[in-house]
Amino acid sequence: MNIVSVASIVFVLNLPFGYWRSNVRKFSRPWFLSVHAPVPPVIALRVFSGLGWQLITFPIMIGAFFFGQVAGSGLHLLRSSRPGSLVSSCLVRDLMGNKRKRPKAGPE
């Protein structure tokens, strides 16, 4: 695999973790997990893809990691700003559709 495909996978892998991170208190245990949980899969991806450990790959991979987290957080903020939307901390759950019933507006 080349660096672009690995960086793209890292970006997509970090989207749900950034989504989760934006809905928890900063520097709490869930926040720490949402930032650091994707690190082992990224290292495994780097090893199994044959990418290696060349110095030039680090800024690209760190950038993909960071921008995936930021994009996931932005996606959470975008979805939560919509009126009447029910947003959880789980991107997959929110994209598949929340099964909770939305409160109906009463007669005015």
Protein backbone atom coordinates (compact mmCIF):
# COMPACT_ATOMS: atom_id res chain seq x y z
CA MET A 1 0.00 0.00 0.00
CA ASN A 2 1.20 3.50 -0.64
CA ILE A 3 1.27 6.41 1.81
CA VAL A 4 -1.88 8.05 0.40
CA SER A 5 -4.04 4.98 0.87
CA VAL A 6 -2.72 4.34 4.39
CA ALA A 7 -3.23 8.01 5.34
CA SER A 8 -6.78 7.85 3.97
CA ILE A 9 -7.53 4.79 6.08
CA VAL A 10 -6.07 6.51 9.15
CA PHE A 11 -8.25 9.56 8.47
CA VAL A 12 -11.43 7.47 8.16
CA LEU A 13 -10.49 5.38 11.21
CA ASN A 14 -10.23 8.53 13.33
CA LEU A 15 -13.60 10.01 12.31
CA PRO A 16 -15.69 8.07 14.88
CA PHE A 17 -13.12 8.71 17.60
CA GLY A 18 -13.16 12.45 16.94
CA TYR A 19 -16.96 12.30 16.95
CA TRP A 20 -16.85 10.61 20.35
CA ARG A 21 -14.15 13.00 21.66
CA SER A 22 -16.24 16.07 20.98
CA ASN A 23 -19.01 14.84 23.28
CA VAL A 24 -16.94 14.10 26.39
CA ARG A 25 -15.28 16.30 29.00
CA LYS A 26 -11.75 17.31 28.06
CA PHE A 27 -8.93 15.36 29.76
CA SER A 28 -11.37 12.82 31.21
CA ARG A 29 -10.85 9.06 30.84
CA PRO A 30 -13.22 8.80 27.82
CA TRP A 31 -11.45 11.75 26.19
CA PHE A 32 -8.08 10.07 26.72
CA LEU A 33 -9.42 6.83 25.23
CA SER A 34 -10.95 8.58 22.23
CA VAL A 35 -7.59 10.15 21.41
CA HIS A 36 -5.38 7.14 22.09
CA ALA A 37 -7.52 4.10 21.21
CA PRO A 38 -6.90 4.44 17.44
CA VAL A 39 -3.10 4.44 17.91
CA PRO A 40 -2.60 0.62 18.04
CA PRO A 41 -4.66 0.01 14.87
CA VAL A 42 -2.73 2.77 13.10
CA ILE A 43 0.59 1.21 14.12
CA ALA A 44 -0.65 -2.22 13.00
CA LEU A 45 -1.76 -0.73 9.68
CA ARG A 46 1.64 0.85 9.23
CA VAL A 47 3.41 -2.46 9.93
CA PHE A 48 1.14 -4.72 7.85
CA SER A 49 1.00 -2.34 4.90
CA GLY A 50 4.78 -2.40 4.58
CA LEU A 51 4.91 1.38 4.86
CA GLY A 52 7.96 1.32 7.09
CA TRP A 53 9.22 3.95 9.49
CA GLN A 54 10.80 6.53 7.19
CA LEU A 55 10.89 10.00 8.69
CA ILE A 56 8.93 11.56 5.81
CA THR A 57 5.88 9.39 6.58
CA PHE A 58 5.43 10.70 10.12
CA PRO A 59 4.05 14.19 9.28
CA ILE A 60 1.64 12.66 6.77
CA MET A 61 0.37 10.02 9.19
CA ILE A 62 0.15 12.42 12.14
CA GLY A 63 -1.69 14.91 9.92
CA ALA A 64 -4.18 12.24 8.82
CA PHE A 65 -4.69 11.23 12.47
CA PHE A 66 -5.20 14.84 13.59
CA PHE A 67 -7.48 15.84 10.72
CA GLY A 68 -9.58 12.69 11.20
CA GLN A 69 -10.11 13.65 14.84
CA VAL A 70 -10.94 17.25 13.92
CA ALA A 71 -13.29 16.23 11.10
CA GLY A 72 -15.10 13.80 13.40
CA SER A 73 -15.50 16.52 16.01
CA GLY A 74 -16.78 18.93 13.37
CA LEU A 75 -19.25 16.33 12.16
CA HIS A 76 -20.59 15.97 15.71
CA LEU A 77 -20.94 19.73 16.09
CA LEU A 78 -22.66 19.98 12.70
CA ARG A 79 -25.15 17.21 13.52
CA SER A 80 -25.86 18.53 17.01
CA SER A 81 -26.54 22.04 15.73
CA ARG A 82 -29.48 20.85 13.61
CA PRO A 83 -32.77 21.60 15.33
CA GLY A 84 -34.59 18.55 16.64
CA SER A 85 -31.69 16.19 16.10
CA LEU A 86 -30.88 13.50 18.64
CA VAL A 87 -27.13 13.08 18.76
CA SER A 88 -25.21 10.53 20.81
CA SER A 89 -21.47 9.99 21.18
CA CYS A 90 -21.48 7.18 18.61
CA LEU A 91 -21.10 8.15 14.95
CA VAL A 92 -22.23 4.75 13.68
CA ARG A 93 -25.39 4.84 15.78
CA ASP A 94 -26.22 8.36 14.65
CA LEU A 95 -25.61 7.58 10.98
CA MET A 96 -27.70 4.38 11.10
CA GLY A 97 -30.58 6.32 12.59
CA ASN A 98 -31.48 6.87 16.17
CA LYS A 99 -34.31 4.61 17.25
CA ARG A 100 -35.36 6.89 20.08
CA LYS A 101 -38.59 8.70 19.42
CA ARG A 102 -38.39 12.41 18.97
CA PRO A 103 -40.75 14.46 21.07
CA LYS A 104 -43.70 15.62 19.06
CA ALA A 105 -44.57 19.26 19.04
CA GLY A 106 -47.85 19.90 20.75
CA PRO A 107 -50.61 22.11 19.41
CA GLU A 108 -49.90 25.76 19.83
